[in-house]
PDB file of N, CA and C in Angstrom:
ATOM      1  N   MET A   1      20.753 137.800 155.629  1.00  0.00           N
ATOM      2  CA  MET A   1      19.790 138.285 154.632  1.00  0.00           C
ATOM      3  C   MET A   1      20.569 138.976 153.463  1.00  0.00           C
ATOM      4  N   ARG A   2      20.240 138.595 152.279  1.00  0.00           N
ATOM      5  CA  ARG A   2      20.918 139.152 151.101  1.00  0.00           C
ATOM      6  C   ARG A   2      20.157 140.376 150.615  1.00  0.00           C
ATOM      7  N   LYS A   3      20.922 141.457 150.359  1.00  0.00           N
ATOM      8  CA  LYS A   3      20.282 142.653 149.809  1.00  0.00           C
ATOM      9  C   LYS A   3      20.239 142.568 148.283  1.00  0.00           C
ATOM     10  N   THR A   4      19.155 142.986 147.706  1.00  0.00           N
ATOM     11  CA  THR A   4      19.060 143.072 146.292  1.00  0.00           C
ATOM     12  C   THR A   4      19.057 144.552 145.843  1.00  0.00           C
ATOM     13  N   PHE A   5      19.901 144.853 144.954  1.00  0.00           N
ATOM     14  CA  PHE A   5      19.964 146.198 144.438  1.00  0.00           C
ATOM     15  C   PHE A   5      19.358 146.271 143.008  1.00  0.00           C
ATOM     16  N   ILE A   6      18.521 147.217 142.773  1.00  0.00           N
ATOM     17  CA  ILE A   6      17.938 147.352 141.423  1.00  0.00           C
ATOM     18  C   ILE A   6      18.656 148.523 140.787  1.00  0.00           C
ATOM     19  N   ALA A   7      19.261 148.247 139.625  1.00  0.00           N
ATOM     20  CA  ALA A   7      19.955 149.233 138.889  1.00  0.00           C
ATOM     21  C   ALA A   7      18.976 150.262 138.279  1.00  0.00           C
ATOM     22  N   MET A   8      19.142 151.521 138.634  1.00  0.00           N
ATOM     23  CA  MET A   8      18.238 152.565 138.091  1.00  0.00           C
ATOM     24  C   MET A   8      18.787 152.930 136.729  1.00  0.00           C
ATOM     25  N   PRO A   9      17.852 153.177 135.762  1.00  0.00           N
ATOM     26  CA  PRO A   9      18.329 153.542 134.467  1.00  0.00           C
ATOM     27  C   PRO A   9      18.927 154.959 134.509  1.00  0.00           C
ATOM     28  N   LEU A  10      19.861 155.224 133.585  1.00  0.00           N
ATOM     29  CA  LEU A  10      20.421 156.508 133.469  1.00  0.00           C
ATOM     30  C   LEU A  10      19.385 157.499 133.099  1.00  0.00           C
ATOM     31  N   MET A  11      19.585 158.738 133.433  1.00  0.00           N
ATOM     32  CA  MET A  11      18.675 159.832 133.048  1.00  0.00           C
ATOM     33  C   MET A  11      19.521 160.984 132.467  1.00  0.00           C
ATOM     34  N   ILE A  12      18.906 161.743 131.613  1.00  0.00           N
ATOM     35  CA  ILE A  12      19.593 162.923 131.028  1.00  0.00           C
ATOM     36  C   ILE A  12      19.218 164.091 131.986  1.00  0.00           C
ATOM     37  N   ILE A  13      20.300 164.825 132.413  1.00  0.00           N
ATOM     38  CA  ILE A  13      20.000 165.980 133.365  1.00  0.00           C
ATOM     39  C   ILE A  13      20.291 167.313 132.831  1.00  0.00           C
ATOM     40  N   LYS A  14      21.229 167.430 131.807  1.00  0.00           N
ATOM     41  CA  LYS A  14      21.581 168.753 131.248  1.00  0.00           C
ATOM     42  C   LYS A  14      22.016 168.629 129.857  1.00  0.00           C
ATOM     43  N   ALA A  15      21.816 169.705 129.099  1.00  0.00           N
ATOM     44  CA  ALA A  15      22.420 169.842 127.806  1.00  0.00           C
ATOM     45  C   ALA A  15      23.909 170.090 128.014  1.00  0.00           C
ATOM     46  N   ALA A  16      24.719 169.688 127.074  1.00  0.00           N
ATOM     47  CA  ALA A  16      26.178 169.852 127.230  1.00  0.00           C
ATOM     48  C   ALA A  16      26.808 170.021 125.878  1.00  0.00           C
ATOM     49  N   ILE A  17      28.040 170.650 125.916  1.00  0.00           N
ATOM     50  CA  ILE A  17      28.923 170.735 124.790  1.00  0.00           C
ATOM     51  C   ILE A  17      30.261 170.348 125.340  1.00  0.00           C
ATOM     52  N   ILE A  18      30.987 169.438 124.628  1.00  0.00           N
ATOM     53  CA  ILE A  18      32.278 169.060 125.031  1.00  0.00           C
ATOM     54  C   ILE A  18      33.295 169.578 124.033  1.00  0.00           C
ATOM     55  N   LYS A  19      34.362 170.172 124.495  1.00  0.00           N
ATOM     56  CA  LYS A  19      35.392 170.699 123.668  1.00  0.00           C
ATOM     57  C   LYS A  19      36.706 170.543 124.361  1.00  0.00           C
ATOM     58  N   ASP A  20      37.641 169.921 123.684  1.00  0.00           N
ATOM     59  CA  ASP A  20      38.986 169.691 124.232  1.00  0.00           C
ATOM     60  C   ASP A  20      38.900 168.988 125.578  1.00  0.00           C
ATOM     61  N   GLY A  21      37.946 168.083 125.772  1.00  0.00           N
ATOM     62  CA  GLY A  21      37.884 167.337 127.059  1.00  0.00           C
ATOM     63  C   GLY A  21      37.167 168.078 128.163  1.00  0.00           C
ATOM     64  N   THR A  22      36.736 169.266 127.952  1.00  0.00           N
ATOM     65  CA  THR A  22      35.984 170.039 128.946  1.00  0.00           C
ATOM     66  C   THR A  22      34.538 170.030 128.623  1.00  0.00           C
ATOM     67  N   ILE A  23      33.707 169.818 129.595  1.00  0.00           N
ATOM     68  CA  ILE A  23      32.210 169.730 129.400  1.00  0.00           C
ATOM     69  C   ILE A  23      31.636 171.053 129.904  1.00  0.00           C
ATOM     70  N   TYR A  24      30.846 171.713 129.041  1.00  0.00           N
ATOM     71  CA  TYR A  24      30.141 172.916 129.400  1.00  0.00           C
ATOM     72  C   TYR A  24      28.579 172.545 129.377  1.00  0.00           C
ATOM     73  N   THR A  25      27.890 172.957 130.470  1.00  0.00           N
ATOM     74  CA  THR A  25      26.521 172.543 130.614  1.00  0.00           C
ATOM     75  C   THR A  25      25.574 173.703 130.769  1.00  0.00           C
ATOM     76  N   GLY A  26      24.316 173.415 130.533  1.00  0.00           N
ATOM     77  CA  GLY A  26      23.207 174.359 130.678  1.00  0.00           C
ATOM     78  C   GLY A  26      21.927 173.631 130.513  1.00  0.00           C
ATOM     79  N   LYS A  27      20.766 174.352 130.792  1.00  0.00           N
ATOM     80  CA  LYS A  27      19.478 173.785 130.677  1.00  0.00           C
ATOM     81  C   LYS A  27      19.228 173.368 129.219  1.00  0.00           C
ATOM     82  N   ARG A  28      19.636 174.249 128.252  1.00  0.00           N
ATOM     83  CA  ARG A  28      19.526 174.046 126.827  1.00  0.00           C
ATOM     84  C   ARG A  28      20.850 174.381 126.194  1.00  0.00           C
ATOM     85  N   HIS A  29      21.074 173.855 124.995  1.00  0.00           N
ATOM     86  CA  HIS A  29      22.344 174.177 124.323  1.00  0.00           C
ATOM     87  C   HIS A  29      22.464 175.694 124.048  1.00  0.00           C
ATOM     88  N   GLY A  30      21.310 176.341 123.717  1.00  0.00           N
ATOM     89  CA  GLY A  30      21.310 177.717 123.456  1.00  0.00           C
ATOM     90  C   GLY A  30      21.694 178.560 124.688  1.00  0.00           C
ATOM     91  N   ASP A  31      21.626 178.006 125.882  1.00  0.00           N
ATOM     92  CA  ASP A  31      21.977 178.719 127.077  1.00  0.00           C
ATOM     93  C   ASP A  31      23.467 178.671 127.322  1.00  0.00           C
ATOM     94  N   ILE A  32      24.144 177.720 126.693  1.00  0.00           N
ATOM     95  CA  ILE A  32      25.587 177.543 126.885  1.00  0.00           C
ATOM     96  C   ILE A  32      26.398 178.479 126.020  1.00  0.00           C
ATOM     97  N   PHE A  33      26.048 178.660 124.749  1.00  0.00           N
ATOM     98  CA  PHE A  33      26.877 179.469 123.855  1.00  0.00           C
ATOM     99  C   PHE A  33      27.041 180.917 124.292  1.00  0.00           C
ATOM    100  N   PRO A  34      26.045 181.580 124.785  1.00  0.00           N
ATOM    101  CA  PRO A  34      26.258 183.056 125.153  1.00  0.00           C
ATOM    102  C   PRO A  34      27.293 183.278 126.341  1.00  0.00           C
ATOM    103  N   GLN A  35      27.623 182.208 127.039  1.00  0.00           N
ATOM    104  CA  GLN A  35      28.509 182.364 128.144  1.00  0.00           C
ATOM    105  C   GLN A  35      29.965 182.509 127.709  1.00  0.00           C
ATOM    106  N   PHE A  36      30.227 182.305 126.414  1.00  0.00           N
ATOM    107  CA  PHE A  36      31.594 182.284 125.913  1.00  0.00           C
ATOM    108  C   PHE A  36      31.749 183.225 124.745  1.00  0.00           C
ATOM    109  N   PRO A  37      32.980 183.624 124.400  1.00  0.00           N
ATOM    110  CA  PRO A  37      33.205 184.437 123.238  1.00  0.00           C
ATOM    111  C   PRO A  37      32.639 183.787 121.951  1.00  0.00           C
ATOM    112  N   LEU A  38      32.190 184.585 121.024  1.00  0.00           N
ATOM    113  CA  LEU A  38      31.608 184.115 119.802  1.00  0.00           C
ATOM    114  C   LEU A  38      32.596 183.156 119.080  1.00  0.00           C
ATOM    115  N   GLY A  39      32.103 181.960 118.757  1.00  0.00           N
ATOM    116  CA  GLY A  39      32.908 180.999 118.084  1.00  0.00           C
ATOM    117  C   GLY A  39      33.727 180.060 118.933  1.00  0.00           C
ATOM    118  N   PHE A  40      33.784 180.327 120.220  1.00  0.00           N
ATOM    119  CA  PHE A  40      34.640 179.518 121.154  1.00  0.00           C
ATOM    120  C   PHE A  40      34.234 178.063 121.077  1.00  0.00           C
ATOM    121  N   LEU A  41      32.922 177.745 121.166  1.00  0.00           N
ATOM    122  CA  LEU A  41      32.476 176.405 121.167  1.00  0.00           C
ATOM    123  C   LEU A  41      32.100 175.827 119.825  1.00  0.00           C
ATOM    124  N   ARG A  42      32.402 176.501 118.732  1.00  0.00           N
ATOM    125  CA  ARG A  42      32.059 176.136 117.400  1.00  0.00           C
ATOM    126  C   ARG A  42      32.457 174.635 117.085  1.00  0.00           C
ATOM    127  N   CYS A  43      33.668 174.264 117.432  1.00  0.00           N
ATOM    128  CA  CYS A  43      34.168 172.907 117.145  1.00  0.00           C
ATOM    129  C   CYS A  43      33.779 171.872 118.168  1.00  0.00           C
ATOM    130  N   GLY A  44      33.040 172.289 119.229  1.00  0.00           N
ATOM    131  CA  GLY A  44      32.669 171.339 120.254  1.00  0.00           C
ATOM    132  C   GLY A  44      31.553 170.449 119.824  1.00  0.00           C
ATOM    133  N   GLU A  45      31.377 169.313 120.468  1.00  0.00           N
ATOM    134  CA  GLU A  45      30.323 168.360 120.156  1.00  0.00           C
ATOM    135  C   GLU A  45      29.127 168.572 121.081  1.00  0.00           C
ATOM    136  N   GLN A  46      27.966 168.786 120.501  1.00  0.00           N
ATOM    137  CA  GLN A  46      26.745 168.939 121.384  1.00  0.00           C
ATOM    138  C   GLN A  46      26.231 167.562 121.780  1.00  0.00           C
ATOM    139  N   GLY A  47      25.802 167.514 123.082  1.00  0.00           N
ATOM    140  CA  GLY A  47      25.274 166.284 123.606  1.00  0.00           C
ATOM    141  C   GLY A  47      24.585 166.576 124.954  1.00  0.00           C
ATOM    142  N   PHE A  48      24.699 165.640 125.850  1.00  0.00           N
ATOM    143  CA  PHE A  48      24.029 165.785 127.123  1.00  0.00           C
ATOM    144  C   PHE A  48      24.868 165.175 128.217  1.00  0.00           C
ATOM    145  N   VAL A  49      24.562 165.444 129.430  1.00  0.00           N
ATOM    146  CA  VAL A  49      25.197 164.826 130.627  1.00  0.00           C
ATOM    147  C   VAL A  49      24.111 164.027 131.341  1.00  0.00           C
ATOM    148  N   THR A  50      24.528 162.771 131.713  1.00  0.00           N
ATOM    149  CA  THR A  50      23.621 161.912 132.518  1.00  0.00           C
ATOM    150  C   THR A  50      23.708 162.219 133.974  1.00  0.00           C
ATOM    151  N   ASP A  51      22.759 161.605 134.719  1.00  0.00           N
ATOM    152  CA  ASP A  51      22.817 161.765 136.197  1.00  0.00           C
ATOM    153  C   ASP A  51      24.053 161.166 136.842  1.00  0.00           C
ATOM    154  N   LYS A  52      24.823 160.353 136.075  1.00  0.00           N
ATOM    155  CA  LYS A  52      26.149 159.883 136.568  1.00  0.00           C
ATOM    156  C   LYS A  52      27.261 160.716 136.138  1.00  0.00           C
ATOM    157  N   GLY A  53      26.984 161.871 135.527  1.00  0.00           N
ATOM    158  CA  GLY A  53      28.040 162.748 135.166  1.00  0.00           C
ATOM    159  C   GLY A  53      28.805 162.515 133.825  1.00  0.00           C
ATOM    160  N   LYS A  54      28.193 161.589 133.043  1.00  0.00           N
ATOM    161  CA  LYS A  54      28.875 161.129 131.834  1.00  0.00           C
ATOM    162  C   LYS A  54      28.303 161.925 130.642  1.00  0.00           C
ATOM    163  N   PHE A  55      29.237 162.373 129.773  1.00  0.00           N
ATOM    164  CA  PHE A  55      28.789 162.999 128.538  1.00  0.00           C
ATOM    165  C   PHE A  55      28.376 161.987 127.511  1.00  0.00           C
ATOM    166  N   VAL A  56      27.256 162.231 126.878  1.00  0.00           N
ATOM    167  CA  VAL A  56      26.770 161.334 125.789  1.00  0.00           C
ATOM    168  C   VAL A  56      26.370 162.160 124.617  1.00  0.00           C
ATOM    169  N   ASN A  57      26.528 161.587 123.417  1.00  0.00           N
ATOM    170  CA  ASN A  57      26.132 162.389 122.174  1.00  0.00           C
ATOM    171  C   ASN A  57      24.643 162.357 122.034  1.00  0.00           C
ATOM    172  N   ARG A  58      24.118 163.038 121.067  1.00  0.00           N
ATOM    173  CA  ARG A  58      22.702 163.182 120.851  1.00  0.00           C
ATOM    174  C   ARG A  58      21.980 161.835 120.591  1.00  0.00           C
ATOM    175  N   GLY A  59      22.660 160.891 119.882  1.00  0.00           N
ATOM    176  CA  GLY A  59      22.055 159.623 119.636  1.00  0.00           C
ATOM    177  C   GLY A  59      21.922 158.755 120.925  1.00  0.00           C
ATOM    178  N   GLN A  60      23.027 158.744 121.655  1.00  0.00           N
ATOM    179  CA  GLN A  60      23.021 158.018 122.939  1.00  0.00           C
ATOM    180  C   GLN A  60      22.003 158.613 123.889  1.00  0.00           C
ATOM    181  N   ALA A  61      21.911 159.928 123.901  1.00  0.00           N
ATOM    182  CA  ALA A  61      20.989 160.590 124.838  1.00  0.00           C
ATOM    183  C   ALA A  61      19.572 160.295 124.467  1.00  0.00           C
ATOM    184  N   ALA A  62      19.210 160.255 123.152  1.00  0.00           N
ATOM    185  CA  ALA A  62      17.835 159.873 122.766  1.00  0.00           C
ATOM    186  C   ALA A  62      17.516 158.457 123.266  1.00  0.00           C
ATOM    187  N   LYS A  63      18.387 157.500 123.153  1.00  0.00           N
ATOM    188  CA  LYS A  63      18.165 156.184 123.648  1.00  0.00           C
ATOM    189  C   LYS A  63      17.899 156.151 125.150  1.00  0.00           C
ATOM    190  N   ILE A  64      18.764 156.827 125.892  1.00  0.00           N
ATOM    191  CA  ILE A  64      18.674 156.910 127.339  1.00  0.00           C
ATOM    192  C   ILE A  64      17.359 157.560 127.777  1.00  0.00           C
ATOM    193  N   ALA A  65      17.043 158.742 127.109  1.00  0.00           N
ATOM    194  CA  ALA A  65      15.818 159.458 127.510  1.00  0.00           C
ATOM    195  C   ALA A  65      14.557 158.620 127.257  1.00  0.00           C
ATOM    196  N   TYR A  66      14.585 157.869 126.128  1.00  0.00           N
ATOM    197  CA  TYR A  66      13.405 157.036 125.818  1.00  0.00           C
ATOM    198  C   TYR A  66      13.285 155.836 126.854  1.00  0.00           C
ATOM    199  N   GLU A  67      14.378 155.229 127.106  1.00  0.00           N
ATOM    200  CA  GLU A  67      14.413 154.067 127.998  1.00  0.00           C
ATOM    201  C   GLU A  67      13.986 154.369 129.464  1.00  0.00           C
ATOM    202  N   CYS A  68      14.271 155.611 129.900  1.00  0.00           N
ATOM    203  CA  CYS A  68      13.918 155.965 131.237  1.00  0.00           C
ATOM    204  C   CYS A  68      12.614 156.711 131.298  1.00  0.00           C
ATOM    205  N   GLY A  69      11.936 156.953 130.184  1.00  0.00           N
ATOM    206  CA  GLY A  69      10.631 157.586 130.145  1.00  0.00           C
ATOM    207  C   GLY A  69      10.660 159.105 130.107  1.00  0.00           C
ATOM    208  N   GLN A  70      11.819 159.699 129.776  1.00  0.00           N
ATOM    209  CA  GLN A  70      11.877 161.152 129.696  1.00  0.00           C
ATOM    210  C   GLN A  70      11.222 161.688 128.388  1.00  0.00           C
ATOM    211  N   ILE A  71      11.215 160.865 127.336  1.00  0.00           N
ATOM    212  CA  ILE A  71      10.518 161.163 126.132  1.00  0.00           C
ATOM    213  C   ILE A  71       9.621 160.044 125.760  1.00  0.00           C
ATOM    214  N   PRO A  72       8.458 160.336 125.142  1.00  0.00           N
ATOM    215  CA  PRO A  72       7.460 159.281 124.896  1.00  0.00           C
ATOM    216  C   PRO A  72       7.699 158.464 123.649  1.00  0.00           C
ATOM    217  N   ILE A  73       8.507 158.935 122.694  1.00  0.00           N
ATOM    218  CA  ILE A  73       8.770 158.170 121.456  1.00  0.00           C
ATOM    219  C   ILE A  73      10.205 158.043 121.172  1.00  0.00           C
ATOM    220  N   LYS A  74      10.581 157.008 120.458  1.00  0.00           N
ATOM    221  CA  LYS A  74      11.949 156.825 120.107  1.00  0.00           C
ATOM    222  C   LYS A  74      12.393 157.868 119.084  1.00  0.00           C
ATOM    223  N   LYS A  75      13.611 158.341 119.231  1.00  0.00           N
ATOM    224  CA  LYS A  75      14.176 159.371 118.273  1.00  0.00           C
ATOM    225  C   LYS A  75      15.611 158.974 117.980  1.00  0.00           C
ATOM    226  N   SER A  76      16.117 159.377 116.847  1.00  0.00           N
ATOM    227  CA  SER A  76      17.456 159.061 116.479  1.00  0.00           C
ATOM    228  C   SER A  76      18.451 160.042 117.189  1.00  0.00           C
ATOM    229  N   GLU A  77      17.966 161.250 117.534  1.00  0.00           N
ATOM    230  CA  GLU A  77      18.828 162.236 118.195  1.00  0.00           C
ATOM    231  C   GLU A  77      17.948 163.002 119.170  1.00  0.00           C
ATOM    232  N   LEU A  78      18.506 163.352 120.325  1.00  0.00           N
ATOM    233  CA  LEU A  78      17.831 164.156 121.265  1.00  0.00           C
ATOM    234  C   LEU A  78      18.172 165.627 121.191  1.00  0.00           C
ATOM    235  N   PHE A  79      17.194 166.493 121.345  1.00  0.00           N
ATOM    236  CA  PHE A  79      17.459 167.928 121.361  1.00  0.00           C
ATOM    237  C   PHE A  79      16.923 168.386 122.730  1.00  0.00           C
ATOM    238  N   SER A  80      17.503 169.469 123.321  1.00  0.00           N
ATOM    239  CA  SER A  80      17.114 169.898 124.604  1.00  0.00           C
ATOM    240  C   SER A  80      15.626 170.260 124.626  1.00  0.00           C
ATOM    241  N   GLU A  81      15.103 170.730 123.519  1.00  0.00           N
ATOM    242  CA  GLU A  81      13.689 171.076 123.448  1.00  0.00           C
ATOM    243  C   GLU A  81      12.801 169.852 123.689  1.00  0.00           C
ATOM    244  N   ASP A  82      13.343 168.666 123.406  1.00  0.00           N
ATOM    245  CA  ASP A  82      12.531 167.440 123.642  1.00  0.00           C
ATOM    246  C   ASP A  82      12.236 167.164 125.093  1.00  0.00           C
ATOM    247  N   LEU A  83      13.049 167.777 125.975  1.00  0.00           N
ATOM    248  CA  LEU A  83      12.962 167.421 127.367  1.00  0.00           C
ATOM    249  C   LEU A  83      12.066 168.464 128.167  1.00  0.00           C
ATOM    250  N   TYR A  84      11.786 169.605 127.523  1.00  0.00           N
ATOM    251  CA  TYR A  84      11.033 170.711 128.209  1.00  0.00           C
ATOM    252  C   TYR A  84       9.821 171.089 127.487  1.00  0.00           C
TER     253      TYR A  84
END
């Protein structure tokens, strides 16, 4: 008997900021900044982490969130407030 696997769509699980290859996460982007000295993450890129542990930018995250039903309308960029 042959098993059929259904690929589950990616989901967004956390807000994230990536800087120098390190990913910092939190429920919202505003929760991440206070954990570090003022200005530490200023040059970091804001985005999100998927359920597979991959960092994606705001545009990629918006597409993923829409396709898996986390947000009801298409957006060009995702903000953490869109998820809660």
